[in-house]
Structures are given as structure tokens and as C-alpha cells.
Amino acid sequence: EVFESIVIEQLKERGYNTKIVETPG
């Protein structure tokens, strides 16, 4: 979860709008 939040924040700073979605596996 921490890793995801760091990645999303850095992507946002570079202009990429992203989010985490849970899917069945």
C-alpha cells in the first residue's frame, strides 16, 4: 500500500493520472 501511494504520487507529479483497482485473480 505504501509502495502504491508513492508510485501514484510520483506519476501524478509527471502528469499521469492513475489509480489502483482491485480485480479478481
mmCIF file of all heavy atoms, coordinates in Angstrom:
data_MODEL
# 
_entry.id   MODEL 
# 
loop_
_atom_site.group_PDB 
_atom_site.id 
_atom_site.type_symbol 
_atom_site.label_atom_id 
_atom_site.label_alt_id 
_atom_site.label_comp_id 
_atom_site.label_asym_id 
_atom_site.label_entity_id 
_atom_site.label_seq_id 
_atom_site.pdbx_PDB_ins_code 
_atom_site.Cartn_x 
_atom_site.Cartn_y 
_atom_site.Cartn_z 
_atom_site.occupancy 
_atom_site.B_iso_or_equiv 
_atom_site.pdbx_formal_charge 
_atom_site.auth_seq_id 
_atom_site.auth_comp_id 
_atom_site.auth_asym_id 
_atom_site.auth_atom_id 
_atom_site.pdbx_PDB_model_num 
ATOM 1   N N   . GLU A 1 1  ? 0.822   -1.212  0.000   1.00 0.00 ? 1  GLU A N   1 
ATOM 2   C CA  . GLU A 1 1  ? 0.000   0.000   0.000   1.00 0.00 ? 1  GLU A CA  1 
ATOM 3   C C   . GLU A 1 1  ? 0.858   1.265   0.000   1.00 0.00 ? 1  GLU A C   1 
ATOM 4   O O   . GLU A 1 1  ? 0.555   2.232   -0.696  1.00 0.00 ? 1  GLU A O   1 
ATOM 5   C CB  . GLU A 1 1  ? -0.926  -0.005  1.224   1.00 0.00 ? 1  GLU A CB  1 
ATOM 6   C CG  . GLU A 1 1  ? -2.058  -1.015  1.170   1.00 0.00 ? 1  GLU A CG  1 
ATOM 7   C CD  . GLU A 1 1  ? -1.571  -2.453  1.332   1.00 0.00 ? 1  GLU A CD  1 
ATOM 8   O OE1 . GLU A 1 1  ? -0.454  -2.655  1.883   1.00 0.00 ? 1  GLU A OE1 1 
ATOM 9   O OE2 . GLU A 1 1  ? -2.296  -3.366  0.902   1.00 0.00 ? 1  GLU A OE2 1 
ATOM 10  N N   . VAL A 1 2  ? 1.934   1.266   0.792   1.00 0.00 ? 2  VAL A N   1 
ATOM 11  C CA  . VAL A 1 2  ? 2.842   2.413   0.821   1.00 0.00 ? 2  VAL A CA  1 
ATOM 12  C C   . VAL A 1 2  ? 3.515   2.581   -0.540  1.00 0.00 ? 2  VAL A C   1 
ATOM 13  O O   . VAL A 1 2  ? 3.623   3.693   -1.074  1.00 0.00 ? 2  VAL A O   1 
ATOM 14  C CB  . VAL A 1 2  ? 3.910   2.249   1.921   1.00 0.00 ? 2  VAL A CB  1 
ATOM 15  C CG1 . VAL A 1 2  ? 4.977   3.338   1.805   1.00 0.00 ? 2  VAL A CG1 1 
ATOM 16  C CG2 . VAL A 1 2  ? 3.269   2.293   3.301   1.00 0.00 ? 2  VAL A CG2 1 
ATOM 17  N N   . PHE A 1 3  ? 3.953   1.453   -1.093  1.00 0.00 ? 3  PHE A N   1 
ATOM 18  C CA  . PHE A 1 3  ? 4.599   1.471   -2.407  1.00 0.00 ? 3  PHE A CA  1 
ATOM 19  C C   . PHE A 1 3  ? 3.657   2.053   -3.456  1.00 0.00 ? 3  PHE A C   1 
ATOM 20  O O   . PHE A 1 3  ? 4.043   2.897   -4.268  1.00 0.00 ? 3  PHE A O   1 
ATOM 21  C CB  . PHE A 1 3  ? 5.006   0.043   -2.782  1.00 0.00 ? 3  PHE A CB  1 
ATOM 22  C CG  . PHE A 1 3  ? 5.691   -0.086  -4.116  1.00 0.00 ? 3  PHE A CG  1 
ATOM 23  C CD1 . PHE A 1 3  ? 7.044   0.182   -4.257  1.00 0.00 ? 3  PHE A CD1 1 
ATOM 24  C CD2 . PHE A 1 3  ? 4.975   -0.498  -5.238  1.00 0.00 ? 3  PHE A CD2 1 
ATOM 25  C CE1 . PHE A 1 3  ? 7.671   0.051   -5.480  1.00 0.00 ? 3  PHE A CE1 1 
ATOM 26  C CE2 . PHE A 1 3  ? 5.590   -0.631  -6.463  1.00 0.00 ? 3  PHE A CE2 1 
ATOM 27  C CZ  . PHE A 1 3  ? 6.951   -0.359  -6.589  1.00 0.00 ? 3  PHE A CZ  1 
ATOM 28  N N   . GLU A 1 4  ? 2.403   1.614   -3.442  1.00 0.00 ? 4  GLU A N   1 
ATOM 29  C CA  . GLU A 1 4  ? 1.413   2.098   -4.401  1.00 0.00 ? 4  GLU A CA  1 
ATOM 30  C C   . GLU A 1 4  ? 1.215   3.608   -4.285  1.00 0.00 ? 4  GLU A C   1 
ATOM 31  O O   . GLU A 1 4  ? 1.154   4.317   -5.303  1.00 0.00 ? 4  GLU A O   1 
ATOM 32  C CB  . GLU A 1 4  ? 0.079   1.380   -4.184  1.00 0.00 ? 4  GLU A CB  1 
ATOM 33  C CG  . GLU A 1 4  ? 0.090   -0.075  -4.603  1.00 0.00 ? 4  GLU A CG  1 
ATOM 34  C CD  . GLU A 1 4  ? -1.188  -0.802  -4.212  1.00 0.00 ? 4  GLU A CD  1 
ATOM 35  O OE1 . GLU A 1 4  ? -1.969  -0.248  -3.406  1.00 0.00 ? 4  GLU A OE1 1 
ATOM 36  O OE2 . GLU A 1 4  ? -1.397  -1.917  -4.716  1.00 0.00 ? 4  GLU A OE2 1 
ATOM 37  N N   . SER A 1 5  ? 1.124   4.094   -3.053  1.00 0.00 ? 5  SER A N   1 
ATOM 38  C CA  . SER A 1 5  ? 0.878   5.523   -2.863  1.00 0.00 ? 5  SER A CA  1 
ATOM 39  C C   . SER A 1 5  ? 2.057   6.358   -3.350  1.00 0.00 ? 5  SER A C   1 
ATOM 40  O O   . SER A 1 5  ? 1.882   7.431   -3.934  1.00 0.00 ? 5  SER A O   1 
ATOM 41  C CB  . SER A 1 5  ? 0.591   5.822   -1.392  1.00 0.00 ? 5  SER A CB  1 
ATOM 42  O OG  . SER A 1 5  ? 1.718   5.557   -0.581  1.00 0.00 ? 5  SER A OG  1 
ATOM 43  N N   . ILE A 1 6  ? 3.281   5.857   -3.149  1.00 0.00 ? 6  ILE A N   1 
ATOM 44  C CA  . ILE A 1 6  ? 4.478   6.575   -3.623  1.00 0.00 ? 6  ILE A CA  1 
ATOM 45  C C   . ILE A 1 6  ? 4.489   6.620   -5.148  1.00 0.00 ? 6  ILE A C   1 
ATOM 46  O O   . ILE A 1 6  ? 4.746   7.663   -5.763  1.00 0.00 ? 6  ILE A O   1 
ATOM 47  C CB  . ILE A 1 6  ? 5.757   5.903   -3.093  1.00 0.00 ? 6  ILE A CB  1 
ATOM 48  C CG1 . ILE A 1 6  ? 5.842   6.028   -1.574  1.00 0.00 ? 6  ILE A CG1 1 
ATOM 49  C CG2 . ILE A 1 6  ? 6.990   6.541   -3.734  1.00 0.00 ? 6  ILE A CG2 1 
ATOM 50  C CD1 . ILE A 1 6  ? 6.987   5.238   -0.948  1.00 0.00 ? 6  ILE A CD1 1 
ATOM 51  N N   . VAL A 1 7  ? 4.201   5.466   -5.762  1.00 0.00 ? 7  VAL A N   1 
ATOM 52  C CA  . VAL A 1 7  ? 4.191   5.386   -7.229  1.00 0.00 ? 7  VAL A CA  1 
ATOM 53  C C   . VAL A 1 7  ? 3.152   6.330   -7.821  1.00 0.00 ? 7  VAL A C   1 
ATOM 54  O O   . VAL A 1 7  ? 3.431   7.091   -8.759  1.00 0.00 ? 7  VAL A O   1 
ATOM 55  C CB  . VAL A 1 7  ? 3.911   3.934   -7.682  1.00 0.00 ? 7  VAL A CB  1 
ATOM 56  C CG1 . VAL A 1 7  ? 3.581   3.896   -9.181  1.00 0.00 ? 7  VAL A CG1 1 
ATOM 57  C CG2 . VAL A 1 7  ? 5.122   3.054   -7.401  1.00 0.00 ? 7  VAL A CG2 1 
ATOM 58  N N   . ILE A 1 8  ? 1.946   6.305   -7.272  1.00 0.00 ? 8  ILE A N   1 
ATOM 59  C CA  . ILE A 1 8  ? 0.870   7.151   -7.787  1.00 0.00 ? 8  ILE A CA  1 
ATOM 60  C C   . ILE A 1 8  ? 1.208   8.629   -7.637  1.00 0.00 ? 8  ILE A C   1 
ATOM 61  O O   . ILE A 1 8  ? 0.954   9.436   -8.540  1.00 0.00 ? 8  ILE A O   1 
ATOM 62  C CB  . ILE A 1 8  ? -0.464  6.820   -7.080  1.00 0.00 ? 8  ILE A CB  1 
ATOM 63  C CG1 . ILE A 1 8  ? -0.957  5.453   -7.552  1.00 0.00 ? 8  ILE A CG1 1 
ATOM 64  C CG2 . ILE A 1 8  ? -1.514  7.892   -7.350  1.00 0.00 ? 8  ILE A CG2 1 
ATOM 65  C CD1 . ILE A 1 8  ? -2.205  4.979   -6.867  1.00 0.00 ? 8  ILE A CD1 1 
ATOM 66  N N   . GLU A 1 9  ? 1.815   8.987   -6.506  1.00 0.00 ? 9  GLU A N   1 
ATOM 67  C CA  . GLU A 1 9  ? 2.176   10.384  -6.281  1.00 0.00 ? 9  GLU A CA  1 
ATOM 68  C C   . GLU A 1 9  ? 3.228   10.843  -7.288  1.00 0.00 ? 9  GLU A C   1 
ATOM 69  O O   . GLU A 1 9  ? 3.132   11.941  -7.850  1.00 0.00 ? 9  GLU A O   1 
ATOM 70  C CB  . GLU A 1 9  ? 2.705   10.567  -4.850  1.00 0.00 ? 9  GLU A CB  1 
ATOM 71  C CG  . GLU A 1 9  ? 3.023   12.004  -4.476  1.00 0.00 ? 9  GLU A CG  1 
ATOM 72  C CD  . GLU A 1 9  ? 1.804   12.914  -4.544  1.00 0.00 ? 9  GLU A CD  1 
ATOM 73  O OE1 . GLU A 1 9  ? 0.682   12.437  -4.280  1.00 0.00 ? 9  GLU A OE1 1 
ATOM 74  O OE2 . GLU A 1 9  ? 1.980   14.102  -4.861  1.00 0.00 ? 9  GLU A OE2 1 
ATOM 75  N N   . GLN A 1 10 ? 4.233   9.999   -7.546  1.00 0.00 ? 10 GLN A N   1 
ATOM 76  C CA  . GLN A 1 10 ? 5.275   10.374  -8.497  1.00 0.00 ? 10 GLN A CA  1 
ATOM 77  C C   . GLN A 1 10 ? 4.737   10.421  -9.928  1.00 0.00 ? 10 GLN A C   1 
ATOM 78  O O   . GLN A 1 10 ? 5.144   11.270  -10.726 1.00 0.00 ? 10 GLN A O   1 
ATOM 79  C CB  . GLN A 1 10 ? 6.457   9.411   -8.402  1.00 0.00 ? 10 GLN A CB  1 
ATOM 80  C CG  . GLN A 1 10 ? 7.237   9.555   -7.108  1.00 0.00 ? 10 GLN A CG  1 
ATOM 81  C CD  . GLN A 1 10 ? 8.679   9.084   -7.230  1.00 0.00 ? 10 GLN A CD  1 
ATOM 82  O OE1 . GLN A 1 10 ? 9.204   8.896   -8.320  1.00 0.00 ? 10 GLN A OE1 1 
ATOM 83  N NE2 . GLN A 1 10 ? 9.333   8.909   -6.093  1.00 0.00 ? 10 GLN A NE2 1 
ATOM 84  N N   . LEU A 1 11 ? 3.833   9.511   -10.250 1.00 0.00 ? 11 LEU A N   1 
ATOM 85  C CA  . LEU A 1 11 ? 3.212   9.545   -11.576 1.00 0.00 ? 11 LEU A CA  1 
ATOM 86  C C   . LEU A 1 11 ? 2.382   10.815  -11.744 1.00 0.00 ? 11 LEU A C   1 
ATOM 87  O O   . LEU A 1 11 ? 2.379   11.439  -12.807 1.00 0.00 ? 11 LEU A O   1 
ATOM 88  C CB  . LEU A 1 11 ? 2.337   8.309   -11.790 1.00 0.00 ? 11 LEU A CB  1 
ATOM 89  C CG  . LEU A 1 11 ? 3.078   6.998   -12.069 1.00 0.00 ? 11 LEU A CG  1 
ATOM 90  C CD1 . LEU A 1 11 ? 2.117   5.819   -11.969 1.00 0.00 ? 11 LEU A CD1 1 
ATOM 91  C CD2 . LEU A 1 11 ? 3.750   7.020   -13.430 1.00 0.00 ? 11 LEU A CD2 1 
ATOM 92  N N   . LYS A 1 12 ? 1.684   11.200  -10.685 1.00 0.00 ? 12 LYS A N   1 
ATOM 93  C CA  . LYS A 1 12 ? 0.874   12.419  -10.712 1.00 0.00 ? 12 LYS A CA  1 
ATOM 94  C C   . LYS A 1 12 ? 1.746   13.639  -10.956 1.00 0.00 ? 12 LYS A C   1 
ATOM 95  O O   . LYS A 1 12 ? 1.387   14.539  -11.727 1.00 0.00 ? 12 LYS A O   1 
ATOM 96  C CB  . LYS A 1 12 ? 0.112   12.567  -9.394  1.00 0.00 ? 12 LYS A CB  1 
ATOM 97  C CG  . LYS A 1 12 ? -0.829  13.763  -9.342  1.00 0.00 ? 12 LYS A CG  1 
ATOM 98  C CD  . LYS A 1 12 ? -1.579  13.811  -8.006  1.00 0.00 ? 12 LYS A CD  1 
ATOM 99  C CE  . LYS A 1 12 ? -2.502  15.025  -7.948  1.00 0.00 ? 12 LYS A CE  1 
ATOM 100 N NZ  . LYS A 1 12 ? -3.218  15.095  -6.641  1.00 0.00 ? 12 LYS A NZ  1 
ATOM 101 N N   . GLU A 1 13 ? 2.923   13.674  -10.318 1.00 0.00 ? 13 GLU A N   1 
ATOM 102 C CA  . GLU A 1 13 ? 3.843   14.799  -10.494 1.00 0.00 ? 13 GLU A CA  1 
ATOM 103 C C   . GLU A 1 13 ? 4.334   14.898  -11.943 1.00 0.00 ? 13 GLU A C   1 
ATOM 104 O O   . GLU A 1 13 ? 4.697   15.977  -12.405 1.00 0.00 ? 13 GLU A O   1 
ATOM 105 C CB  . GLU A 1 13 ? 5.044   14.633  -9.559  1.00 0.00 ? 13 GLU A CB  1 
ATOM 106 C CG  . GLU A 1 13 ? 4.708   14.843  -8.087  1.00 0.00 ? 13 GLU A CG  1 
ATOM 107 C CD  . GLU A 1 13 ? 5.888   14.573  -7.174  1.00 0.00 ? 13 GLU A CD  1 
ATOM 108 O OE1 . GLU A 1 13 ? 6.967   14.204  -7.699  1.00 0.00 ? 13 GLU A OE1 1 
ATOM 109 O OE2 . GLU A 1 13 ? 5.737   14.735  -5.942  1.00 0.00 ? 13 GLU A OE2 1 
ATOM 110 N N   . ARG A 1 14 ? 4.325   13.789  -12.651 1.00 0.00 ? 14 ARG A N   1 
ATOM 111 C CA  . ARG A 1 14 ? 4.775   13.770  -14.050 1.00 0.00 ? 14 ARG A CA  1 
ATOM 112 C C   . ARG A 1 14 ? 3.607   13.891  -15.032 1.00 0.00 ? 14 ARG A C   1 
ATOM 113 O O   . ARG A 1 14 ? 3.773   13.730  -16.241 1.00 0.00 ? 14 ARG A O   1 
ATOM 114 C CB  . ARG A 1 14 ? 5.554   12.493  -14.339 1.00 0.00 ? 14 ARG A CB  1 
ATOM 115 C CG  . ARG A 1 14 ? 6.802   12.341  -13.478 1.00 0.00 ? 14 ARG A CG  1 
ATOM 116 C CD  . ARG A 1 14 ? 7.797   11.471  -14.178 1.00 0.00 ? 14 ARG A CD  1 
ATOM 117 N NE  . ARG A 1 14 ? 8.695   10.816  -13.241 1.00 0.00 ? 14 ARG A NE  1 
ATOM 118 C CZ  . ARG A 1 14 ? 9.621   9.944   -13.594 1.00 0.00 ? 14 ARG A CZ  1 
ATOM 119 N NH1 . ARG A 1 14 ? 9.742   9.608   -14.869 1.00 0.00 ? 14 ARG A NH1 1 
ATOM 120 N NH2 . ARG A 1 14 ? 10.393  9.379   -12.703 1.00 0.00 ? 14 ARG A NH2 1 
ATOM 121 N N   . GLY A 1 15 ? 2.417   14.145  -14.501 1.00 0.00 ? 15 GLY A N   1 
ATOM 122 C CA  . GLY A 1 15 ? 1.265   14.393  -15.373 1.00 0.00 ? 15 GLY A CA  1 
ATOM 123 C C   . GLY A 1 15 ? 0.460   13.163  -15.726 1.00 0.00 ? 15 GLY A C   1 
ATOM 124 O O   . GLY A 1 15 ? -0.368  13.205  -16.642 1.00 0.00 ? 15 GLY A O   1 
ATOM 125 N N   . TYR A 1 16 ? 0.663   12.034  -15.010 1.00 0.00 ? 16 TYR A N   1 
ATOM 126 C CA  . TYR A 1 16 ? -0.079  10.805  -15.289 1.00 0.00 ? 16 TYR A CA  1 
ATOM 127 C C   . TYR A 1 16 ? -1.141  10.585  -14.212 1.00 0.00 ? 16 TYR A C   1 
ATOM 128 O O   . TYR A 1 16 ? -0.830  10.450  -13.028 1.00 0.00 ? 16 TYR A O   1 
ATOM 129 C CB  . TYR A 1 16 ? 0.864   9.597   -15.343 1.00 0.00 ? 16 TYR A CB  1 
ATOM 130 C CG  . TYR A 1 16 ? 1.698   9.549   -16.589 1.00 0.00 ? 16 TYR A CG  1 
ATOM 131 C CD1 . TYR A 1 16 ? 2.875   10.293  -16.682 1.00 0.00 ? 16 TYR A CD1 1 
ATOM 132 C CD2 . TYR A 1 16 ? 1.326   8.779   -17.688 1.00 0.00 ? 16 TYR A CD2 1 
ATOM 133 C CE1 . TYR A 1 16 ? 3.652   10.270  -17.833 1.00 0.00 ? 16 TYR A CE1 1 
ATOM 134 C CE2 . TYR A 1 16 ? 2.087   8.745   -18.839 1.00 0.00 ? 16 TYR A CE2 1 
ATOM 135 C CZ  . TYR A 1 16 ? 3.253   9.490   -18.907 1.00 0.00 ? 16 TYR A CZ  1 
ATOM 136 O OH  . TYR A 1 16 ? 4.009   9.458   -20.048 1.00 0.00 ? 16 TYR A OH  1 
ATOM 137 N N   . ASN A 1 17 ? -2.387  10.562  -14.638 1.00 0.00 ? 17 ASN A N   1 
ATOM 138 C CA  . ASN A 1 17 ? -3.494  10.338  -13.721 1.00 0.00 ? 17 ASN A CA  1 
ATOM 139 C C   . ASN A 1 17 ? -3.719  8.830   -13.592 1.00 0.00 ? 17 ASN A C   1 
ATOM 140 O O   . ASN A 1 17 ? -4.129  8.169   -14.548 1.00 0.00 ? 17 ASN A O   1 
ATOM 141 C CB  . ASN A 1 17 ? -4.750  11.022  -14.249 1.00 0.00 ? 17 ASN A CB  1 
ATOM 142 C CG  . ASN A 1 17 ? -5.919  10.891  -13.300 1.00 0.00 ? 17 ASN A CG  1 
ATOM 143 O OD1 . ASN A 1 17 ? -5.726  10.659  -12.112 1.00 0.00 ? 17 ASN A OD1 1 
ATOM 144 N ND2 . ASN A 1 17 ? -7.120  11.027  -13.823 1.00 0.00 ? 17 ASN A ND2 1 
ATOM 145 N N   . THR A 1 18 ? -3.423  8.270   -12.425 1.00 0.00 ? 18 THR A N   1 
ATOM 146 C CA  . THR A 1 18 ? -3.531  6.824   -12.239 1.00 0.00 ? 18 THR A CA  1 
ATOM 147 C C   . THR A 1 18 ? -4.289  6.501   -10.955 1.00 0.00 ? 18 THR A C   1 
ATOM 148 O O   . THR A 1 18 ? -4.444  7.338   -10.067 1.00 0.00 ? 18 THR A O   1 
ATOM 149 C CB  . THR A 1 18 ? -2.133  6.172   -12.154 1.00 0.00 ? 18 THR A CB  1 
ATOM 150 O OG1 . THR A 1 18 ? -1.409  6.750   -11.073 1.00 0.00 ? 18 THR A OG1 1 
ATOM 151 C CG2 . THR A 1 18 ? -1.359  6.381   -13.441 1.00 0.00 ? 18 THR A CG2 1 
ATOM 152 N N   . LYS A 1 19 ? -4.724  5.264   -10.873 1.00 0.00 ? 19 LYS A N   1 
ATOM 153 C CA  . LYS A 1 19 ? -5.409  4.796   -9.662  1.00 0.00 ? 19 LYS A CA  1 
ATOM 154 C C   . LYS A 1 19 ? -5.211  3.286   -9.539  1.00 0.00 ? 19 LYS A C   1 
ATOM 155 O O   . LYS A 1 19 ? -4.822  2.616   -10.498 1.00 0.00 ? 19 LYS A O   1 
ATOM 156 C CB  . LYS A 1 19 ? -6.891  5.132   -9.712  1.00 0.00 ? 19 LYS A CB  1 
ATOM 157 C CG  . LYS A 1 19 ? -7.641  4.456   -10.861 1.00 0.00 ? 19 LYS A CG  1 
ATOM 158 C CD  . LYS A 1 19 ? -9.117  4.869   -10.849 1.00 0.00 ? 19 LYS A CD  1 
ATOM 159 C CE  . LYS A 1 19 ? -9.865  4.205   -12.003 1.00 0.00 ? 19 LYS A CE  1 
ATOM 160 N NZ  . LYS A 1 19 ? -11.296 4.573   -12.013 1.00 0.00 ? 19 LYS A NZ  1 
ATOM 161 N N   . ILE A 1 20 ? -5.457  2.765   -8.342  1.00 0.00 ? 20 ILE A N   1 
ATOM 162 C CA  . ILE A 1 20 ? -5.348  1.330   -8.095  1.00 0.00 ? 20 ILE A CA  1 
ATOM 163 C C   . ILE A 1 20 ? -6.744  0.716   -8.118  1.00 0.00 ? 20 ILE A C   1 
ATOM 164 O O   . ILE A 1 20 ? -7.677  1.213   -7.478  1.00 0.00 ? 20 ILE A O   1 
ATOM 165 C CB  . ILE A 1 20 ? -4.688  1.046   -6.729  1.00 0.00 ? 20 ILE A CB  1 
ATOM 166 C CG1 . ILE A 1 20 ? -3.270  1.615   -6.686  1.00 0.00 ? 20 ILE A CG1 1 
ATOM 167 C CG2 . ILE A 1 20 ? -4.669  -0.452  -6.453  1.00 0.00 ? 20 ILE A CG2 1 
ATOM 168 C CD1 . ILE A 1 20 ? -2.303  0.977   -7.662  1.00 0.00 ? 20 ILE A CD1 1 
ATOM 169 N N   . VAL A 1 21 ? -6.880  -0.349  -8.866  1.00 0.00 ? 21 VAL A N   1 
ATOM 170 C CA  . VAL A 1 21 ? -8.161  -1.059  -8.944  1.00 0.00 ? 21 VAL A CA  1 
ATOM 171 C C   . VAL A 1 21 ? -7.920  -2.520  -8.581  1.00 0.00 ? 21 VAL A C   1 
ATOM 172 O O   . VAL A 1 21 ? -6.993  -3.151  -9.102  1.00 0.00 ? 21 VAL A O   1 
ATOM 173 C CB  . VAL A 1 21 ? -8.757  -0.958  -10.369 1.00 0.00 ? 21 VAL A CB  1 
ATOM 174 C CG1 . VAL A 1 21 ? -10.007 -1.820  -10.479 1.00 0.00 ? 21 VAL A CG1 1 
ATOM 175 C CG2 . VAL A 1 21 ? -9.075  0.483   -10.713 1.00 0.00 ? 21 VAL A CG2 1 
ATOM 176 N N   . GLU A 1 22 ? -8.733  -3.064  -7.694  1.00 0.00 ? 22 GLU A N   1 
ATOM 177 C CA  . GLU A 1 22 ? -8.633  -4.475  -7.323  1.00 0.00 ? 22 GLU A CA  1 
ATOM 178 C C   . GLU A 1 22 ? -9.476  -5.311  -8.279  1.00 0.00 ? 22 GLU A C   1 
ATOM 179 O O   . GLU A 1 22 ? -10.631 -5.006  -8.535  1.00 0.00 ? 22 GLU A O   1 
ATOM 180 C CB  . GLU A 1 22 ? -9.100  -4.701  -5.878  1.00 0.00 ? 22 GLU A CB  1 
ATOM 181 C CG  . GLU A 1 22 ? -8.116  -4.207  -4.839  1.00 0.00 ? 22 GLU A CG  1 
ATOM 182 C CD  . GLU A 1 22 ? -8.439  -4.722  -3.448  1.00 0.00 ? 22 GLU A CD  1 
ATOM 183 O OE1 . GLU A 1 22 ? -8.774  -5.918  -3.337  1.00 0.00 ? 22 GLU A OE1 1 
ATOM 184 O OE2 . GLU A 1 22 ? -8.354  -3.931  -2.496  1.00 0.00 ? 22 GLU A OE2 1 
ATOM 185 N N   . THR A 1 23 ? -8.863  -6.373  -8.793  1.00 0.00 ? 23 THR A N   1 
ATOM 186 C CA  . THR A 1 23 ? -9.567  -7.266  -9.709  1.00 0.00 ? 23 THR A CA  1 
ATOM 187 C C   . THR A 1 23 ? -9.404  -8.706  -9.224  1.00 0.00 ? 23 THR A C   1 
ATOM 188 O O   . THR A 1 23 ? -8.412  -9.037  -8.568  1.00 0.00 ? 23 THR A O   1 
ATOM 189 C CB  . THR A 1 23 ? -9.002  -7.150  -11.142 1.00 0.00 ? 23 THR A CB  1 
ATOM 190 O OG1 . THR A 1 23 ? -7.606  -7.485  -11.116 1.00 0.00 ? 23 THR A OG1 1 
ATOM 191 C CG2 . THR A 1 23 ? -9.174  -5.747  -11.690 1.00 0.00 ? 23 THR A CG2 1 
ATOM 192 N N   . PRO A 1 24 ? -10.355 -9.593  -9.526  1.00 0.00 ? 24 PRO A N   1 
ATOM 193 C CA  . PRO A 1 24 ? -10.230 -10.991 -9.096  1.00 0.00 ? 24 PRO A CA  1 
ATOM 194 C C   . PRO A 1 24 ? -9.132  -11.707 -9.870  1.00 0.00 ? 24 PRO A C   1 
ATOM 195 O O   . PRO A 1 24 ? -8.958  -11.500 -11.068 1.00 0.00 ? 24 PRO A O   1 
ATOM 196 C CB  . PRO A 1 24 ? -11.606 -11.581 -9.421  1.00 0.00 ? 24 PRO A CB  1 
ATOM 197 C CG  . PRO A 1 24 ? -12.146 -10.697 -10.507 1.00 0.00 ? 24 PRO A CG  1 
ATOM 198 C CD  . PRO A 1 24 ? -11.619 -9.328  -10.215 1.00 0.00 ? 24 PRO A CD  1 
ATOM 199 N N   . GLY A 1 25 ? -8.365  -12.523 -9.150  1.00 0.00 ? 25 GLY A N   1 
ATOM 200 C CA  . GLY A 1 25 ? -7.309  -13.299 -9.788  1.00 0.00 ? 25 GLY A CA  1 
ATOM 201 C C   . GLY A 1 25 ? -7.384  -14.750 -9.355  1.00 0.00 ? 25 GLY A C   1 
ATOM 202 O O   . GLY A 1 25 ? -8.227  -15.135 -8.531  1.00 0.00 ? 25 GLY A O   1 
# 
